[in-house]
Every structure is written in C-alpha cells, then in structure tokens.
Amino acid sequence: MRHGRTWSNGEYREHFGATAEEARSELRDLVLRGLVTSTGQRRWVRYELAVKP
C-alpha cells in the first residue's frame, strides 16, 4: 500500500498468509483507525492507504 497499490481481501490473504476472518478483521481495524480507506462493496472492496492532510 505504501507504493500506491490497492489491495483486495484475497490479495491480502495471499500475501500475508491470513485466513479470511483474520484478513477481514485486520483490514477493518486499519480502516477504523483511519490508516486505510476502503472503496467498493462486498466482493469488490479495495483498500488503500489513507491520505494524510
């Protein structure tokens, strides 16, 4: 994400070896903390680093 790449849940799981529930929980936590933004819905959600003001 640091290099402008967006990630899907599946890509995150594959890269980090996480289960579906672990990836969902970790990505949700990053969004809630304001570090990552998400776009799209359901199967098409993409995650990217939040832009700092």
C-alpha atoms as a PDB file:
ATOM      1  CA  MET A   1       0.000   0.000   0.000  1.00  0.00           C
ATOM      2  CA  ARG A   2       2.910   2.339   0.641  1.00  0.00           C
ATOM      3  CA  HIS A   3       3.627   2.400  -3.079  1.00  0.00           C
ATOM      4  CA  GLY A   4       0.124   3.400  -4.151  1.00  0.00           C
ATOM      5  CA  ARG A   5      -1.146  -0.137  -4.610  1.00  0.00           C
ATOM      6  CA  THR A   6      -4.666  -1.098  -3.593  1.00  0.00           C
ATOM      7  CA  TRP A   7      -5.397  -4.489  -2.052  1.00  0.00           C
ATOM      8  CA  SER A   8      -8.405  -6.758  -2.018  1.00  0.00           C
ATOM      9  CA  ASN A   9      -9.148  -9.076   0.878  1.00  0.00           C
ATOM     10  CA  GLY A  10      -7.987 -12.020  -1.234  1.00  0.00           C
ATOM     11  CA  GLU A  11      -4.698 -10.366  -2.171  1.00  0.00           C
ATOM     12  CA  TYR A  12      -4.089  -9.519   1.476  1.00  0.00           C
ATOM     13  CA  ARG A  13      -4.739 -13.146   2.484  1.00  0.00           C
ATOM     14  CA  GLU A  14      -2.437 -14.494  -0.191  1.00  0.00           C
ATOM     15  CA  HIS A  15       0.399 -12.082   0.588  1.00  0.00           C
ATOM     16  CA  PHE A  16       0.296 -12.430   4.382  1.00  0.00           C
ATOM     17  CA  GLY A  17      -0.996 -15.996   4.725  1.00  0.00           C
ATOM     18  CA  ALA A  18      -4.040 -14.889   6.715  1.00  0.00           C
ATOM     19  CA  THR A  19      -7.407 -16.615   6.902  1.00  0.00           C
ATOM     20  CA  ALA A  20     -10.461 -14.843   5.510  1.00  0.00           C
ATOM     21  CA  GLU A  21     -11.604 -13.856   9.012  1.00  0.00           C
ATOM     22  CA  GLU A  22      -8.138 -12.617  10.034  1.00  0.00           C
ATOM     23  CA  ALA A  23      -7.826 -10.505   6.890  1.00  0.00           C
ATOM     24  CA  ARG A  24     -11.319  -9.073   7.319  1.00  0.00           C
ATOM     25  CA  SER A  25     -10.623  -8.201  10.952  1.00  0.00           C
ATOM     26  CA  GLU A  26      -7.196  -6.673  10.289  1.00  0.00           C
ATOM     27  CA  LEU A  27      -8.354  -4.619   7.311  1.00  0.00           C
ATOM     28  CA  ARG A  28     -11.437  -3.436   9.209  1.00  0.00           C
ATOM     29  CA  ASP A  29      -9.209  -2.364  12.110  1.00  0.00           C
ATOM     30  CA  LEU A  30      -6.936  -0.375   9.781  1.00  0.00           C
ATOM     31  CA  VAL A  31      -9.980   1.396   8.319  1.00  0.00           C
ATOM     32  CA  LEU A  32     -11.412   2.185  11.773  1.00  0.00           C
ATOM     33  CA  ARG A  33      -8.047   3.622  12.868  1.00  0.00           C
ATOM     34  CA  GLY A  34      -8.019   5.894   9.808  1.00  0.00           C
ATOM     35  CA  LEU A  35      -4.849   4.397   8.342  1.00  0.00           C
ATOM     36  CA  VAL A  36      -6.558   2.814   5.331  1.00  0.00           C
ATOM     37  CA  THR A  37      -9.601   3.745   3.272  1.00  0.00           C
ATOM     38  CA  SER A  38     -11.909   1.302   1.537  1.00  0.00           C
ATOM     39  CA  THR A  39     -13.883   1.710  -1.670  1.00  0.00           C
ATOM     40  CA  GLY A  40     -16.409  -0.572  -3.311  1.00  0.00           C
ATOM     41  CA  GLN A  41     -18.835  -3.052  -1.886  1.00  0.00           C
ATOM     42  CA  ARG A  42     -18.806  -6.692  -0.907  1.00  0.00           C
ATOM     43  CA  ARG A  43     -16.541  -8.736  -3.190  1.00  0.00           C
ATOM     44  CA  TRP A  44     -15.160  -5.633  -4.894  1.00  0.00           C
ATOM     45  CA  VAL A  45     -13.865  -3.734  -1.859  1.00  0.00           C
ATOM     46  CA  ARG A  46     -10.362  -2.320  -2.342  1.00  0.00           C
ATOM     47  CA  TYR A  47      -8.131  -0.966   0.420  1.00  0.00           C
ATOM     48  CA  GLU A  48      -5.509   1.766   0.127  1.00  0.00           C
ATOM     49  CA  LEU A  49      -3.506   3.979   2.454  1.00  0.00           C
ATOM     50  CA  ALA A  50      -5.411   6.976   3.745  1.00  0.00           C
ATOM     51  CA  VAL A  51      -4.188  10.358   2.549  1.00  0.00           C
ATOM     52  CA  LYS A  52      -2.778  12.435   5.375  1.00  0.00           C
ATOM     53  CA  PRO A  53      -3.989  16.055   5.445  1.00  0.00           C
END
